[in-house]
Protein backbone atom coordinates (compact mmCIF):
# COMPACT_ATOMS: atom_id res chain seq x y z
CA MET A 1 -99.48 111.56 50.40
CA THR A 2 -96.87 109.24 49.05
CA ALA A 3 -94.97 106.57 50.87
CA PRO A 4 -91.21 107.21 50.94
CA MET A 5 -89.42 105.24 48.29
CA PRO A 6 -85.79 104.77 47.37
CA ALA A 7 -84.46 107.27 44.87
CA THR A 8 -82.58 104.80 42.70
CA GLY A 9 -79.39 106.20 41.22
CA GLU A 10 -79.70 109.41 43.24
CA LYS A 11 -76.64 111.04 44.74
CA ALA A 12 -78.39 111.54 48.04
CA ALA A 13 -75.68 110.69 50.54
CA ALA A 14 -71.97 110.15 50.41
CA PRO A 15 -70.94 106.50 50.79
CA ALA A 16 -68.63 105.61 53.62
CA GLY A 17 -65.05 106.52 52.85
CA ALA A 18 -66.00 108.41 49.69
CA ALA A 19 -63.32 110.79 48.48
CA GLY A 20 -63.89 114.38 47.46
CA PRO A 21 -66.24 117.11 48.66
CA GLU A 22 -70.00 117.04 48.22
CA VAL A 23 -69.81 120.26 46.19
CA ASP A 24 -66.80 121.21 44.08
CA ASN A 25 -66.05 124.94 44.53
CA PRO A 26 -69.63 126.31 44.60
CA GLY A 27 -68.32 129.84 45.12
CA SER A 28 -67.51 130.28 41.44
CA PRO A 29 -71.07 129.82 40.04
CA ILE A 30 -72.55 131.64 43.03
CA LEU A 31 -70.35 134.66 42.30
CA ALA A 32 -71.12 134.47 38.57
CA GLY A 33 -74.84 134.42 39.33
CA PHE A 34 -74.47 137.40 41.64
CA VAL A 35 -72.75 139.30 38.83
CA GLY A 36 -75.58 138.35 36.48
CA SER A 37 -78.18 139.55 38.99
CA LEU A 38 -76.18 142.76 39.49
CA PHE A 39 -76.17 143.33 35.72
CA MET A 40 -79.96 142.93 35.74
CA PHE A 41 -80.22 145.45 38.57
CA ILE A 42 -78.17 148.01 36.62
CA GLY A 43 -80.14 147.31 33.45
CA SER A 44 -83.41 147.82 35.33
CA LEU A 45 -82.44 151.42 36.02
CA GLY A 46 -82.72 152.10 32.29
CA VAL A 47 -85.52 149.84 31.03
CA GLY A 48 -87.36 148.66 34.16
CA TRP A 49 -90.86 149.93 34.86
CA LEU A 50 -91.19 153.20 36.77
CA ALA A 51 -94.43 154.97 37.63
CA PRO A 52 -94.77 158.23 35.69
CA VAL A 53 -94.87 160.12 39.03
CA SER A 54 -91.71 158.43 40.33
CA GLU A 55 -89.16 160.84 41.74
CA LEU A 56 -86.42 158.63 40.33
CA ARG A 57 -87.18 159.99 36.87
CA ARG A 58 -85.53 163.25 37.97
CA VAL A 59 -82.31 161.62 39.17
CA PRO A 60 -79.45 162.38 36.70
CA LEU A 61 -78.31 158.73 36.46
CA PHE A 62 -81.84 157.58 35.65
CA ILE A 63 -82.26 160.38 33.13
CA TRP A 64 -79.09 159.33 31.30
CA MET A 65 -79.93 155.62 31.32
CA ARG A 66 -83.56 156.11 30.27
CA ALA A 67 -83.44 159.12 27.94
CA GLU A 68 -80.10 158.75 26.14
CA ALA A 69 -79.68 156.13 23.44
CA VAL A 70 -76.32 154.97 24.81
CA GLY A 71 -77.76 154.51 28.31
CA VAL A 72 -80.75 152.58 27.01
CA ALA A 73 -78.57 150.35 24.84
CA LEU A 74 -76.26 149.63 27.78
CA SER A 75 -79.26 148.80 29.96
CA ILE A 76 -80.67 146.38 27.38
CA VAL A 77 -77.37 144.54 26.95
CA LEU A 78 -76.75 144.32 30.70
CA LEU A 79 -80.27 143.02 31.31
CA ALA A 80 -80.07 140.35 28.60
CA VAL A 81 -76.53 139.24 29.46
CA GLY A 82 -77.29 139.29 33.18
CA GLY A 83 -80.32 137.05 32.77
CA MET A 84 -78.38 134.48 30.79
CA LEU A 85 -75.40 134.66 33.17
CA LEU A 86 -77.85 133.75 35.90
CA VAL A 87 -79.07 130.77 33.86
CA ARG A 88 -75.50 129.61 33.33
CA ALA A 89 -74.66 130.02 37.02
CA TRP A 90 -77.68 127.93 37.99
CA LEU A 91 -76.68 125.18 35.57
CA ARG A 92 -73.06 125.25 36.73
CA LEU A 93 -74.05 125.10 40.40
CA GLY A 94 -75.98 121.91 39.68
CA GLN A 95 -72.98 120.51 37.82
CA ARG A 96 -70.66 121.26 40.73
CA VAL A 97 -72.66 119.06 43.11
CA ARG A 98 -71.17 115.59 43.55
CA VAL A 99 -73.58 114.52 46.31
CA TRP A 100 -76.92 116.21 47.00
CA GLY A 101 -76.34 116.41 50.75
CA PRO A 102 -76.31 119.12 53.45
CA ARG A 103 -73.40 121.01 51.86
CA ALA A 104 -75.28 121.16 48.57
CA ARG A 105 -78.24 122.60 50.47
CA ARG A 106 -75.99 125.21 52.06
CA ALA A 107 -74.55 126.16 48.67
CA THR A 108 -78.06 126.39 47.18
CA LEU A 109 -79.30 128.61 50.00
CA THR A 110 -76.24 130.84 49.62
CA ALA A 111 -76.95 131.10 45.89
CA ILE A 112 -80.60 131.99 46.50
CA GLY A 113 -79.58 134.76 48.88
CA ALA A 114 -76.78 136.13 46.71
CA TRP A 115 -78.79 136.07 43.49
CA SER A 116 -81.89 137.58 45.12
CA LEU A 117 -80.13 140.51 46.79
CA PRO A 118 -79.65 142.80 43.73
CA MET A 119 -83.16 141.96 42.51
CA MET A 120 -84.65 143.16 45.80
CA PHE A 121 -83.58 146.70 44.91
CA SER A 122 -84.11 146.65 41.15
CA VAL A 123 -86.71 148.66 39.29
CA PRO A 124 -89.60 146.21 38.54
CA LEU A 125 -88.70 144.04 35.56
CA PHE A 126 -90.72 142.07 33.00
CA SER A 127 -94.12 143.11 34.39
CA ARG A 128 -96.06 146.18 35.53
CA ASP A 129 -98.49 144.24 37.69
CA VAL A 130 -97.06 145.69 40.90
CA TYR A 131 -98.33 149.10 39.82
CA ALA A 132 -101.77 147.59 39.33
CA TYR A 133 -101.52 146.35 42.93
CA ILE A 134 -100.84 149.94 44.01
CA GLY A 135 -103.83 151.21 42.03
CA GLN A 136 -106.12 148.56 43.48
CA GLY A 137 -104.92 149.37 46.97
CA ARG A 138 -105.59 153.04 46.37
CA LEU A 139 -109.13 152.16 45.24
CA MET A 140 -109.82 150.63 48.64
CA VAL A 141 -108.11 153.42 50.58
CA GLU A 142 -110.37 155.91 48.76
CA GLY A 143 -113.51 153.87 49.46
CA PHE A 144 -114.08 152.11 46.10
CA ASN A 145 -114.96 148.45 45.64
CA PRO A 146 -112.10 147.03 43.48
CA TYR A 147 -114.35 144.20 42.27
CA ARG A 148 -116.70 146.77 40.70
CA ASN A 149 -114.32 149.55 39.72
CA GLY A 150 -111.22 149.57 37.56
CA ILE A 151 -108.39 151.92 38.44
CA SER A 152 -109.83 154.47 36.00
CA ALA A 153 -112.16 155.46 38.86
CA LEU A 154 -109.15 157.18 40.44
CA SER A 155 -108.04 160.71 39.63
CA ASN A 156 -104.78 160.76 37.63
CA TYR A 157 -104.84 156.95 37.54
CA PHE A 158 -102.51 156.91 34.52
CA GLN A 159 -99.74 158.30 36.73
CA LEU A 160 -99.74 155.07 38.76
CA GLY A 161 -97.87 153.18 36.04
CA ALA A 162 -100.22 150.22 35.61
CA ASP A 163 -100.79 148.62 32.23
CA LYS A 164 -103.82 150.05 30.42
CA MET A 165 -105.52 146.62 30.54
CA TRP A 166 -106.26 147.33 34.22
CA THR A 167 -108.12 150.58 33.42
CA GLU A 168 -111.55 148.94 33.52
CA ALA A 169 -110.67 145.35 34.42
CA PRO A 170 -112.11 143.92 37.66
CA VAL A 171 -109.61 142.61 40.18
CA PRO A 172 -108.99 138.83 39.89
CA TYR A 173 -107.37 138.56 43.34
CA GLY A 174 -108.84 137.20 46.54
CA GLN A 175 -109.62 138.84 49.85
CA LEU A 176 -106.26 138.29 51.53
CA PHE A 177 -104.33 140.04 48.79
CA LEU A 178 -106.82 142.92 48.74
CA TRP A 179 -106.02 143.53 52.40
CA ILE A 180 -102.30 143.42 51.63
CA GLU A 181 -102.77 145.94 48.80
CA GLN A 182 -104.81 148.23 51.01
CA PHE A 183 -102.30 148.08 53.86
CA VAL A 184 -99.31 148.73 51.59
CA VAL A 185 -100.88 151.79 49.94
CA TRP A 186 -102.22 153.15 53.24
CA SER A 187 -98.87 152.75 55.02
CA THR A 188 -96.83 154.35 52.21
CA ASN A 189 -99.36 157.06 51.28
CA VAL A 190 -99.23 155.82 47.65
CA HIS A 191 -95.48 156.40 47.39
CA PRO A 192 -94.53 154.21 44.37
CA GLU A 193 -91.02 153.11 45.38
CA ALA A 194 -91.97 152.43 49.02
CA SER A 195 -95.03 150.47 47.86
CA VAL A 196 -92.93 148.40 45.45
CA MET A 197 -90.50 147.56 48.26
CA LEU A 198 -93.29 146.43 50.59
CA PHE A 199 -94.82 144.29 47.86
CA ARG A 200 -91.34 142.82 47.32
CA LEU A 201 -91.20 141.86 50.97
CA VAL A 202 -94.56 140.09 50.54
CA ALA A 203 -93.14 138.25 47.51
CA LEU A 204 -90.04 137.39 49.54
CA ALA A 205 -92.27 135.83 52.20
CA GLY A 206 -93.63 133.53 49.50
CA VAL A 207 -90.11 132.63 48.42
CA VAL A 208 -89.22 131.77 52.03
CA LEU A 209 -92.28 129.50 52.26
CA CYS A 210 -91.13 127.70 49.11
CA VAL A 211 -87.61 127.32 50.51
CA ILE A 212 -89.05 125.75 53.67
CA TYR A 213 -91.72 123.47 52.24
CA VAL A 214 -90.28 122.29 48.90
CA PRO A 215 -87.64 120.13 50.68
CA LYS A 216 -90.22 118.85 53.17
CA LEU A 217 -92.62 117.79 50.42
CA ALA A 218 -89.78 116.23 48.43
CA GLU A 219 -88.77 114.09 51.39
CA LEU A 220 -92.33 112.77 51.67
CA HIS A 221 -91.94 111.42 48.13
CA GLY A 222 -88.50 109.88 48.50
CA VAL A 223 -87.09 112.67 46.34
CA ASN A 224 -83.83 114.35 47.29
CA PRO A 225 -84.88 117.57 49.06
CA HIS A 226 -81.67 119.45 48.26
CA ARG A 227 -81.90 118.86 44.53
CA ALA A 228 -85.59 119.80 44.59
CA LEU A 229 -84.62 123.07 46.28
CA TRP A 230 -82.02 123.80 43.59
CA LEU A 231 -84.49 123.01 40.80
CA THR A 232 -87.08 125.31 42.34
CA ALA A 233 -85.90 128.21 44.48
CA ALA A 234 -82.46 128.77 42.92
CA ASN A 235 -84.06 128.64 39.48
CA PRO A 236 -83.57 131.97 37.62
CA LEU A 237 -87.16 131.86 36.35
CA PHE A 238 -88.40 131.52 39.93
CA LEU A 239 -86.27 134.39 41.24
CA THR A 240 -86.89 136.82 38.40
CA ASN A 241 -90.66 136.33 38.40
CA PHE A 242 -91.15 136.39 42.14
CA ILE A 243 -88.58 139.01 43.20
CA ALA A 244 -87.58 141.13 40.18
CA SER A 245 -91.16 141.17 38.82
CA VAL A 246 -92.83 141.37 42.28
CA HIS A 247 -95.63 138.94 41.45
CA ASN A 248 -98.15 137.96 44.12
CA ASP A 249 -97.93 134.40 42.73
CA SER A 250 -94.99 133.90 45.09
CA LEU A 251 -97.25 134.16 48.15
CA MET A 252 -99.95 132.11 46.42
CA ILE A 253 -97.75 129.11 45.67
CA GLY A 254 -95.84 129.35 48.96
CA LEU A 255 -99.05 129.14 51.00
CA ALA A 256 -100.35 126.31 48.78
CA LEU A 257 -97.18 124.24 49.23
CA ALA A 258 -97.29 124.76 52.99
CA GLY A 259 -100.92 123.65 53.01
CA LEU A 260 -100.15 120.55 50.98
CA TYR A 261 -97.39 119.58 53.39
CA TYR A 262 -99.63 119.79 56.44
CA ALA A 263 -102.45 117.98 54.68
CA ALA A 264 -100.04 115.20 53.70
CA THR A 265 -98.81 114.83 57.29
CA ARG A 266 -102.31 114.40 58.75
CA ARG A 267 -102.73 118.02 59.88
CA VAL A 268 -105.47 118.49 57.35
CA VAL A 269 -107.41 121.37 58.88
CA ARG A 270 -104.25 123.47 59.04
CA GLY A 271 -103.53 122.50 55.45
CA ILE A 272 -107.02 123.54 54.31
CA VAL A 273 -106.64 126.90 56.04
CA LEU A 274 -103.32 127.58 54.32
CA VAL A 275 -104.55 126.51 50.88
CA THR A 276 -107.65 128.67 51.39
CA LEU A 277 -105.39 131.63 52.18
CA SER A 278 -103.60 130.82 48.93
CA ILE A 279 -106.96 130.89 47.13
CA ALA A 280 -107.57 134.26 48.80
CA VAL A 281 -104.47 135.53 46.99
CA LYS A 282 -105.22 134.03 43.56
CA PRO A 283 -108.14 131.59 43.24
CA ILE A 284 -106.38 129.24 40.77
CA THR A 285 -105.18 127.03 43.66
CA ILE A 286 -108.77 125.95 44.24
CA VAL A 287 -107.65 123.00 42.09
CA PHE A 288 -105.75 121.71 45.17
CA LEU A 289 -108.84 121.21 47.34
CA PRO A 290 -110.24 117.98 45.81
CA PHE A 291 -106.87 116.29 46.27
CA ILE A 292 -106.67 117.44 49.88
CA GLY A 293 -110.13 115.91 50.35
CA LEU A 294 -108.76 112.61 49.05
CA LEU A 295 -105.83 112.84 51.46
CA TRP A 296 -108.22 113.39 54.32
CA ALA A 297 -110.41 110.47 53.27
CA GLY A 298 -107.44 108.09 53.44
CA ARG A 299 -105.91 105.33 51.37
CA ASP A 300 -108.73 102.79 51.23
CA ALA A 301 -111.67 105.18 51.27
CA GLY A 302 -114.79 104.20 49.37
CA TRP A 303 -116.77 106.61 47.22
CA LEU A 304 -119.18 107.55 50.00
CA ARG A 305 -116.28 108.45 52.31
CA LYS A 306 -114.51 110.39 49.52
CA ILE A 307 -117.64 112.40 48.77
CA GLY A 308 -118.07 113.13 52.46
CA PHE A 309 -114.53 114.45 52.87
CA TRP A 310 -114.73 116.41 49.61
CA ALA A 311 -117.82 118.11 51.03
CA LEU A 312 -116.11 118.72 54.36
CA THR A 313 -113.01 120.15 52.68
CA ALA A 314 -115.07 122.40 50.42
CA GLY A 315 -117.27 123.48 53.33
CA LEU A 316 -114.36 124.49 55.55
CA SER A 317 -112.65 126.40 52.73
CA LEU A 318 -115.86 128.10 51.65
CA ALA A 319 -116.70 129.08 55.24
CA LEU A 320 -113.31 130.76 55.63
CA LEU A 321 -113.68 132.58 52.31
CA VAL A 322 -117.19 133.75 53.24
CA LEU A 323 -115.91 134.99 56.59
CA MET A 324 -113.16 137.00 54.90
CA SER A 325 -115.69 138.37 52.41
CA LEU A 326 -117.97 139.51 55.22
CA VAL A 327 -115.07 141.24 56.95
CA ASN A 328 -113.97 143.22 53.90
CA GLY A 329 -117.49 143.69 52.57
CA PHE A 330 -116.54 143.01 48.95
CA GLY A 331 -118.03 139.54 48.59
CA PHE A 332 -116.87 137.18 45.85
CA GLY A 333 -116.39 139.76 43.16
CA TRP A 334 -113.10 138.18 42.14
CA ILE A 335 -115.12 135.52 40.30
CA ASN A 336 -115.99 138.12 37.64
CA GLY A 337 -112.34 139.07 37.35
CA LEU A 338 -111.14 135.56 36.55
CA SER A 339 -111.94 135.94 32.87
CA ALA A 340 -109.53 138.86 32.38
CA PRO A 341 -106.23 136.88 32.17
CA GLY A 342 -107.74 134.34 29.75
CA SER A 343 -109.33 136.85 27.41
CA ILE A 344 -106.23 137.11 25.22
CA SER A 345 -103.95 134.62 23.47
CA ILE A 346 -100.22 134.28 23.04
CA TRP A 347 -98.34 132.57 20.24
CA TYR A 348 -96.27 130.08 22.26
CA ALA A 349 -99.29 128.67 24.16
CA PRO A 350 -100.53 125.65 22.15
CA VAL A 351 -104.22 126.55 22.53
CA GLY A 352 -103.47 130.20 21.85
CA LEU A 353 -101.54 129.36 18.68
CA ILE A 354 -104.27 127.03 17.41
CA GLY A 355 -106.86 129.71 18.15
CA MET A 356 -104.87 132.31 16.21
CA VAL A 357 -104.48 130.00 13.21
CA VAL A 358 -108.14 128.94 13.20
CA GLY A 359 -109.29 132.53 13.64
CA SER A 360 -107.06 133.77 10.81
CA LEU A 361 -108.23 131.02 8.46
CA GLY A 362 -111.84 131.71 9.37
CA SER A 363 -111.44 135.42 8.69
CA ALA A 364 -109.83 134.63 5.32
CA PHE A 365 -112.99 132.73 4.35
CA GLY A 366 -115.33 135.46 5.58
CA LEU A 367 -116.19 133.88 8.93
CA ASP A 368 -116.06 135.44 12.39
CA GLY A 369 -112.40 134.84 13.30
CA ALA A 370 -112.77 136.17 16.85
CA LEU A 371 -115.64 133.77 17.51
CA LEU A 372 -113.65 130.81 16.18
CA SER A 373 -110.67 131.74 18.36
CA ALA A 374 -112.98 131.91 21.36
CA VAL A 375 -114.35 128.45 20.55
CA VAL A 376 -110.81 127.04 20.51
CA ALA A 377 -110.00 128.74 23.82
CA ASN A 378 -113.16 127.38 25.44
CA ALA A 379 -112.42 123.91 24.07
CA GLY A 380 -109.00 124.07 25.72
CA LYS A 381 -110.57 125.04 29.03
CA LEU A 382 -113.11 122.21 28.80
CA LEU A 383 -110.33 119.74 28.03
CA ALA A 384 -108.36 121.00 31.04
CA VAL A 385 -111.39 120.56 33.29
CA GLY A 386 -111.90 117.05 31.90
CA ILE A 387 -108.28 116.05 32.53
CA ALA A 388 -108.35 117.51 36.04
CA GLY A 389 -111.61 115.70 36.77
CA TRP A 390 -110.21 112.39 35.53
CA LEU A 391 -107.11 112.79 37.71
CA ILE A 392 -109.27 113.57 40.73
CA LEU A 393 -111.41 110.48 40.23
CA LYS A 394 -108.83 107.99 38.96
CA GLY A 395 -105.37 106.97 40.10
CA ASP A 396 -103.39 105.49 42.97
CA TYR A 397 -103.50 107.09 46.41
CA ASP A 398 -99.69 106.98 46.60
CA ARG A 399 -99.53 109.22 43.52
CA LEU A 400 -101.94 111.89 44.69
CA MET A 401 -99.35 114.66 44.57
CA ARG A 402 -98.31 113.77 41.03
CA ARG A 403 -101.96 113.60 40.01
CA LEU A 404 -102.47 117.08 41.47
CA THR A 405 -99.38 118.29 39.60
CA LEU A 406 -100.64 116.95 36.27
CA ALA A 407 -104.13 118.39 36.86
CA PHE A 408 -102.65 121.81 37.65
CA ALA A 409 -100.39 121.55 34.60
CA ALA A 410 -103.41 120.81 32.41
CA VAL A 411 -105.15 123.95 33.67
CA VAL A 412 -102.05 126.05 32.96
CA LEU A 413 -100.88 124.55 29.66
CA LEU A 414 -104.32 124.36 28.03
CA SER A 415 -104.95 128.05 28.59
CA PRO A 416 -104.80 130.39 25.55
CA ILE A 417 -102.13 132.42 27.36
CA ILE A 418 -99.21 131.06 29.37
CA GLN A 419 -97.22 133.66 31.25
CA SER A 420 -93.74 132.82 32.54
CA TRP A 421 -94.96 133.02 36.15
CA TYR A 422 -97.64 130.44 35.34
CA VAL A 423 -94.82 128.03 34.51
CA VAL A 424 -93.19 128.82 37.85
CA TRP A 425 -96.34 127.59 39.61
CA LEU A 426 -95.61 124.13 38.21
CA ILE A 427 -91.87 123.82 38.81
CA PRO A 428 -92.09 123.21 42.61
CA LEU A 429 -94.80 120.58 42.16
CA PHE A 430 -92.84 118.66 39.54
CA ALA A 431 -89.62 119.03 41.54
CA VAL A 432 -91.05 117.53 44.75
CA THR A 433 -92.55 114.57 42.89
CA GLY A 434 -89.41 113.91 40.88
CA ILE A 435 -87.71 115.33 37.79
CA ARG A 436 -85.42 112.71 36.26
CA ASN A 437 -81.92 113.62 35.14
CA ASP A 438 -82.70 112.84 31.50
CA TRP A 439 -85.01 114.53 29.01
CA GLN A 440 -87.15 115.79 31.86
CA VAL A 441 -84.51 118.03 33.40
CA LYS A 442 -83.25 119.01 29.92
CA ALA A 443 -86.78 120.16 29.10
CA LEU A 444 -86.68 122.32 32.22
CA TYR A 445 -83.36 123.85 31.10
CA PHE A 446 -84.87 124.79 27.74
CA VAL A 447 -88.06 126.15 29.29
CA VAL A 448 -86.10 128.33 31.72
CA SER A 449 -83.82 129.63 28.97
CA PHE A 450 -86.74 130.37 26.64
CA PHE A 451 -88.74 132.33 29.18
CA ILE A 452 -85.73 134.29 30.43
CA ILE A 453 -84.98 135.36 26.85
CA TYR A 454 -88.65 136.12 26.15
CA ALA A 455 -89.05 138.14 29.36
CA ASN A 456 -85.91 140.16 28.61
CA SER A 457 -87.29 141.20 25.24
CA ASP A 458 -91.03 141.40 25.93
CA GLN A 459 -91.45 143.93 28.74
CA LEU A 460 -89.12 146.92 28.37
CA GLU A 461 -89.90 150.55 29.12
CA VAL A 462 -88.27 152.53 26.33
CA PHE A 463 -89.11 156.19 25.86
CA PRO A 464 -90.75 156.70 22.46
CA TYR A 465 -89.18 160.13 22.00
CA LEU A 466 -85.79 158.48 21.48
CA GLN A 467 -86.92 158.21 17.86
CA THR A 468 -88.19 161.18 15.85
CA GLY A 469 -90.03 158.98 13.35
CA ASP A 470 -92.18 155.98 14.14
CA VAL A 471 -92.72 156.05 17.91
CA GLY A 472 -92.87 152.26 18.00
CA PHE A 473 -89.51 151.79 16.34
CA ALA A 474 -87.45 152.45 19.48
CA LEU A 475 -89.30 149.75 21.41
CA LEU A 476 -89.09 147.27 18.52
CA LEU A 477 -85.36 147.90 18.20
CA ALA A 478 -84.87 147.42 21.93
CA ARG A 479 -86.81 144.13 21.94
CA VAL A 480 -84.90 142.77 18.98
CA ALA A 481 -81.57 143.72 20.54
CA ALA A 482 -82.48 142.03 23.83
CA ALA A 483 -83.77 138.91 22.05
CA VAL A 484 -80.70 138.59 19.81
CA THR A 485 -78.37 139.02 22.77
CA GLY A 486 -80.20 136.37 24.77
CA VAL A 487 -80.45 133.91 21.87
CA LEU A 488 -76.72 134.23 21.08
CA PHE A 489 -75.88 133.57 24.72
CA ALA A 490 -78.23 130.57 24.78
CA LEU A 491 -76.65 129.16 21.61
CA TYR A 492 -73.27 129.53 23.28
CA LEU A 493 -74.50 127.56 26.31
CA VAL A 494 -75.97 124.79 24.16
CA PHE A 495 -73.31 124.39 21.45
CA TRP A 496 -69.99 126.00 22.41
CA ASP A 497 -69.62 126.38 26.17
CA PRO A 498 -67.32 123.47 27.16
CA ARG A 499 -68.96 123.33 30.59
CA THR A 500 -72.66 123.47 29.82
CA ARG A 501 -73.11 121.97 26.35
CA SER A 502 -73.06 118.45 27.76
CA LEU A 503 -76.23 119.25 29.69
CA PHE A 504 -78.11 119.75 26.44
CA ARG A 505 -76.40 117.37 24.01
CA LYS A 506 -75.20 114.25 25.85
CA ALA A 507 -76.98 111.53 27.73
CA GLY A 508 -75.56 112.74 31.04
CA ASP A 509 -75.43 110.94 34.35
CA PRO A 510 -77.62 108.00 35.39
CA VAL A 511 -81.16 108.72 36.48
CA VAL A 512 -81.14 110.99 39.54
CA GLU A 513 -84.70 110.51 40.71
CA ARG A 514 -87.57 108.19 40.01
CA PRO A 515 -90.65 110.39 39.54
CA VAL A 516 -94.06 109.52 40.84
CA ILE A 517 -96.06 109.22 37.62
């Protein structure tokens, strides 16, 4: 995919006779991160998402932490502080590395394990999607087609704990993940906690794939594999979204990265199979296929050869998807479900914000504000398709992976809604093609901090009966408390912490990696 190149200024290997260890006391940030993750685990007992039928709701500790104001307040503070402690630990671990060599890799792997462990047993945080997975699995176990039926087709579906948006929404997931959902629900007999744990193991498998293939892809690009691993898999945003939140995106991106690696090392058919399996989890990674076709065509391929290998790549992937559709009998119904995630907007997404402003102004002048917002959203999608198409057709062969990364980023960032786990799709791709130790890595620090704070305050389960007046006041108060706690901690990291403020305010070290741009 990219010829190896020297990583100028990178601390990749210790020079002969160099004094000092590769990593200076990594145990301290690793322990601090473990404490932060443990705080998040404890906080999840009070404000994490439980299914209404969960037996845990009858456990005295859970009752106190979820139904008493003091328990809820403690849970909120622990969750917010724990998330930011994890951010600080990640930053400090990177600072402790003198040379990104084998010992740095060992320290990073230890951190990933230690920080993941409490999250593996936490109540689902920041998202209720895992309960939608359970509902969709139950649909199949009971003989329904999940591409035609929302979970409202089930008796007592509201007891499953899924967000109400899934009541009538078609499933946007591919055939492979449908089988996983069906197996999990069948094997646990719809037991919520057992199902969550099995889905967590599926997410963990995706994390393991990322741990294996991020360094391999980085090496192909002359990028330090150990630093790429730290930027990606030890990243708090990565761990919280894939393990604490139990998102299937973990398996999607892990399979896609594995497929890219094999395609880049001339094992293209294996790569296409793995990327197709990724598409069969969430179809967004279909964006990868044209670039794999270019890899297969080779460096000096003409247009006729490129078109031929694009067709061959698409044909192999489509044949595998059709085969899976024939086996499960559900066809390609996920195509209808793809519109569901993009049907709403969010204020921090550029296209979403513009759509909100244009829609509000239009409504003020008596126009159809919803229609104007939809026009902006569709314009963003068209622009994303145009950028992706340009990057497919134009650019150097040696920069194929970076071109893919930018095309995928355009699809994500020009959407009217950007979820935190969408951002996590991009981090491994940018890391393996090079994130410089200047404004680029500082931008990543800010993005991680922002989304950790936002997640801590956005998705909290707070019982409305804690307030006798406005039932929404308890939730609003909880969100504000979590946001203020997180923002104060972030301000401390940026302006007052003697260890971390240099990461945000000073020029820092020389360039660590030369990105492929």
